[in-house]
Amino acid sequence: MNRNFTQFAFTDSVKAVQSEHGSRQSYQRMEDSGDRFELTQAEAEFIQSRDSFYISTVGENGWPYVQHRGGPKGFLQVLDATTLAMADFRGNMQYISTGNINSSHKAALILMDYPTRQRLKVWATAEVLTLDEHPELLGQTMNPNYRSTAERLMTFKIEAYDWNCQQHITPRYTLEEVEKRPKAHS
């Protein structure tokens, strides 16, 4: 856990609720424990093995918005210990996340591994980039075997991250994971 995560998440109102329910003291120790926010090899491997994640942004009206992003495993690339990037594929053309990032430059990502019940939360400063102005980054983030059209690029400068507890995560499996399991003999 890192101090940066607590600086973003533990607002005064959150601390008041923690105090009310008896968890404030332990979370104060977490706040005091350090300021690491760079990805380690464990986080990098976890991120690059995902085929989807959820992105949360906030519009100018103050309302949050959560969107699913998907692609081939590794479509969210770790560029370095504090930067993620992806080719953003054509979708329903509402552009809510894109517009919200353009106005606030803030995003939160939730990356799930349902079979192992692991969840990584990332707070980031986000930027939307054009394809023609960043051809090298497009080449780095676009899987040539994936049949989808990239419309833009997104970068995420990591401000904080947190591994979340496994409690209440129901294991779920992709068809590929189910098919790889050994067949039971009857």
Protein backbone atom coordinates (compact mmCIF):
# COMPACT_ATOMS: atom_id res chain seq x y z
CA MET A 1 0.00 0.00 0.00
CA ASN A 2 1.26 3.49 -0.55
CA ARG A 3 0.67 6.93 0.90
CA ASN A 4 -0.34 8.36 -2.46
CA PHE A 5 -3.36 6.05 -2.60
CA THR A 6 -4.55 7.24 0.79
CA GLN A 7 -4.08 10.89 -0.16
CA PHE A 8 -6.55 10.46 -3.02
CA ALA A 9 -9.04 8.15 -1.35
CA PHE A 10 -9.07 9.20 2.30
CA THR A 11 -10.83 12.55 2.19
CA ASP A 12 -12.10 14.20 5.39
CA SER A 13 -15.55 12.63 4.95
CA VAL A 14 -13.99 9.17 4.44
CA LYS A 15 -11.84 9.61 7.55
CA ALA A 16 -14.95 10.59 9.54
CA VAL A 17 -16.71 7.35 8.51
CA GLN A 18 -13.56 5.34 9.31
CA SER A 19 -13.51 6.93 12.78
CA GLU A 20 -17.20 6.19 13.27
CA HIS A 21 -16.69 2.50 12.43
CA GLY A 22 -13.37 1.96 14.22
CA SER A 23 -10.96 1.54 11.31
CA ARG A 24 -9.37 5.00 11.29
CA GLN A 25 -6.41 4.09 13.51
CA SER A 26 -5.26 1.21 11.29
CA TYR A 27 -5.70 3.30 8.15
CA GLN A 28 -3.72 6.13 9.73
CA ARG A 29 -0.82 3.67 10.04
CA MET A 30 -1.28 2.87 6.33
CA GLU A 31 -1.09 6.58 5.50
CA ASP A 32 2.15 6.87 7.46
CA SER A 33 3.75 3.76 5.93
CA GLY A 34 5.47 5.22 2.87
CA ASP A 35 5.15 6.85 -0.50
CA ARG A 36 5.85 4.11 -3.06
CA PHE A 37 3.76 4.49 -6.20
CA GLU A 38 5.87 3.04 -8.99
CA LEU A 39 4.83 -0.28 -10.45
CA THR A 40 6.83 -3.35 -9.55
CA GLN A 41 7.27 -6.37 -11.80
CA ALA A 42 4.20 -7.98 -10.15
CA GLU A 43 1.91 -5.10 -11.12
CA ALA A 44 3.40 -4.84 -14.62
CA GLU A 45 2.84 -8.55 -15.29
CA PHE A 46 -0.70 -8.39 -13.90
CA ILE A 47 -1.61 -5.37 -16.04
CA GLN A 48 -0.16 -6.78 -19.26
CA SER A 49 -2.01 -10.08 -18.80
CA ARG A 50 -5.47 -8.43 -18.70
CA ASP A 51 -7.85 -8.45 -21.64
CA SER A 52 -10.15 -5.86 -20.08
CA PHE A 53 -10.49 -3.29 -17.34
CA TYR A 54 -12.92 -0.67 -16.08
CA ILE A 55 -12.19 3.03 -16.37
CA SER A 56 -13.86 5.67 -14.23
CA THR A 57 -13.91 9.35 -15.15
CA VAL A 58 -15.88 12.39 -13.97
CA GLY A 59 -17.64 14.88 -16.23
CA GLU A 60 -17.80 18.64 -15.84
CA ASN A 61 -21.20 18.17 -14.19
CA GLY A 62 -19.55 16.25 -11.32
CA TRP A 63 -21.14 12.90 -12.19
CA PRO A 64 -18.91 9.80 -12.33
CA TYR A 65 -18.92 7.51 -15.33
CA VAL A 66 -17.60 3.94 -15.53
CA GLN A 67 -16.81 2.26 -18.83
CA HIS A 68 -15.44 -1.16 -19.77
CA ARG A 69 -12.42 -1.31 -22.07
CA GLY A 70 -11.34 -4.56 -23.71
CA GLY A 71 -8.97 -5.98 -26.28
CA PRO A 72 -6.41 -8.73 -26.68
CA LYS A 73 -4.36 -9.62 -23.61
CA GLY A 74 -1.75 -6.92 -23.12
CA PHE A 75 -3.64 -4.18 -24.97
CA LEU A 76 -3.02 -1.99 -21.90
CA GLN A 77 0.75 -1.57 -22.09
CA VAL A 78 3.17 -0.73 -19.27
CA LEU A 79 5.53 1.82 -20.82
CA ASP A 80 7.56 2.35 -17.64
CA ALA A 81 7.13 2.16 -13.85
CA THR A 82 4.67 5.08 -13.84
CA THR A 83 3.05 5.10 -17.29
CA LEU A 84 0.41 2.97 -19.02
CA ALA A 85 -0.85 3.40 -22.58
CA MET A 86 -3.38 1.86 -24.93
CA ALA A 87 -4.85 2.15 -28.38
CA ASP A 88 -8.49 3.08 -27.81
CA PHE A 89 -10.73 1.11 -30.16
CA ARG A 90 -13.88 2.24 -31.90
CA GLY A 91 -16.96 1.62 -29.79
CA ASN A 92 -20.48 3.02 -29.52
CA MET A 93 -19.32 6.55 -30.43
CA GLN A 94 -20.66 8.22 -27.27
CA TYR A 95 -17.11 9.38 -26.30
CA ILE A 96 -18.05 9.98 -22.65
CA SER A 97 -14.76 8.73 -21.17
CA THR A 98 -12.79 10.57 -23.86
CA GLY A 99 -14.61 13.86 -23.22
CA ASN A 100 -14.27 13.48 -19.47
CA ILE A 101 -10.52 12.84 -19.76
CA ASN A 102 -10.16 15.86 -22.04
CA SER A 103 -11.79 18.07 -19.39
CA SER A 104 -10.40 16.68 -16.11
CA HIS A 105 -7.35 14.58 -17.09
CA LYS A 106 -8.23 12.22 -14.23
CA ALA A 107 -9.09 8.53 -14.40
CA ALA A 108 -9.29 5.54 -12.12
CA LEU A 109 -8.76 2.04 -13.51
CA ILE A 110 -9.92 -1.22 -11.97
CA LEU A 111 -8.22 -4.32 -13.32
CA MET A 112 -9.74 -7.67 -12.36
CA ASP A 113 -8.49 -11.24 -12.40
CA TYR A 114 -11.66 -13.11 -11.51
CA PRO A 115 -10.23 -16.67 -11.39
CA THR A 116 -7.59 -15.68 -8.81
CA ARG A 117 -9.83 -13.05 -7.17
CA GLN A 118 -7.27 -10.25 -7.58
CA ARG A 119 -8.11 -6.58 -8.14
CA LEU A 120 -5.73 -3.70 -8.83
CA LYS A 121 -6.95 -0.09 -8.58
CA VAL A 122 -4.98 2.68 -10.31
CA TRP A 123 -5.39 6.46 -9.97
CA ALA A 124 -3.93 8.28 -12.97
CA THR A 125 -3.57 11.53 -14.81
CA ALA A 126 -4.91 10.64 -18.25
CA GLU A 127 -4.37 12.11 -21.69
CA VAL A 128 -6.02 11.47 -25.05
CA LEU A 129 -3.58 11.54 -27.99
CA THR A 130 -4.17 11.51 -31.74
CA LEU A 131 -2.93 8.57 -33.80
CA ASP A 132 -1.21 10.60 -36.49
CA GLU A 133 0.86 12.62 -34.02
CA HIS A 134 2.07 9.51 -32.14
CA PRO A 135 2.75 6.72 -34.68
CA GLU A 136 5.47 5.13 -32.53
CA LEU A 137 3.12 4.80 -29.55
CA LEU A 138 0.42 3.39 -31.82
CA GLY A 139 2.88 0.75 -33.03
CA GLN A 140 3.73 -0.07 -29.44
CA THR A 141 0.12 -0.42 -28.29
CA MET A 142 -1.72 -1.86 -31.30
CA ASN A 143 -1.77 -5.62 -31.76
CA PRO A 144 -1.65 -6.12 -35.57
CA ASN A 145 -3.67 -9.36 -35.24
CA TYR A 146 -6.57 -7.66 -33.46
CA ARG A 147 -9.37 -6.84 -35.89
CA SER A 148 -10.52 -3.51 -34.56
CA THR A 149 -9.97 0.11 -35.48
CA ALA A 150 -7.98 2.31 -33.12
CA GLU A 151 -9.45 5.82 -32.98
CA ARG A 152 -7.06 7.41 -30.53
CA LEU A 153 -4.42 6.66 -27.90
CA MET A 154 -4.73 7.07 -24.16
CA THR A 155 -1.91 7.41 -21.66
CA PHE A 156 -2.20 7.06 -17.92
CA LYS A 157 0.47 8.61 -15.66
CA ILE A 158 0.15 6.63 -12.44
CA GLU A 159 -0.37 8.75 -9.34
CA ALA A 160 -1.21 5.86 -7.00
CA TYR A 161 -2.32 2.24 -6.97
CA ASP A 162 -3.70 -0.26 -4.51
CA TRP A 163 -4.24 -4.00 -4.49
CA ASN A 164 -7.72 -4.57 -3.11
CA CYS A 165 -8.84 -7.42 -0.88
CA GLN A 166 -10.25 -10.63 -2.38
CA GLN A 167 -13.36 -10.59 -0.24
CA HIS A 168 -16.59 -10.67 -2.25
CA ILE A 169 -14.94 -11.29 -5.64
CA THR A 170 -16.76 -14.20 -7.24
CA PRO A 171 -14.44 -16.33 -9.37
CA ARG A 172 -15.41 -16.21 -13.05
CA TYR A 173 -13.71 -17.90 -15.97
CA THR A 174 -13.41 -17.09 -19.67
CA LEU A 175 -14.31 -19.74 -22.23
CA GLU A 176 -10.59 -20.07 -22.98
CA GLU A 177 -9.82 -20.75 -19.29
CA VAL A 178 -12.61 -23.32 -19.02
CA GLU A 179 -11.46 -25.11 -22.17
CA LYS A 180 -7.87 -25.31 -20.84
CA ARG A 181 -8.95 -27.12 -17.65
CA PRO A 182 -8.23 -30.85 -17.60
CA LYS A 183 -11.29 -32.94 -18.32
CA ALA A 184 -12.61 -34.94 -15.38
CA HIS A 185 -12.73 -38.69 -15.99
CA SER A 186 -16.04 -40.34 -15.24
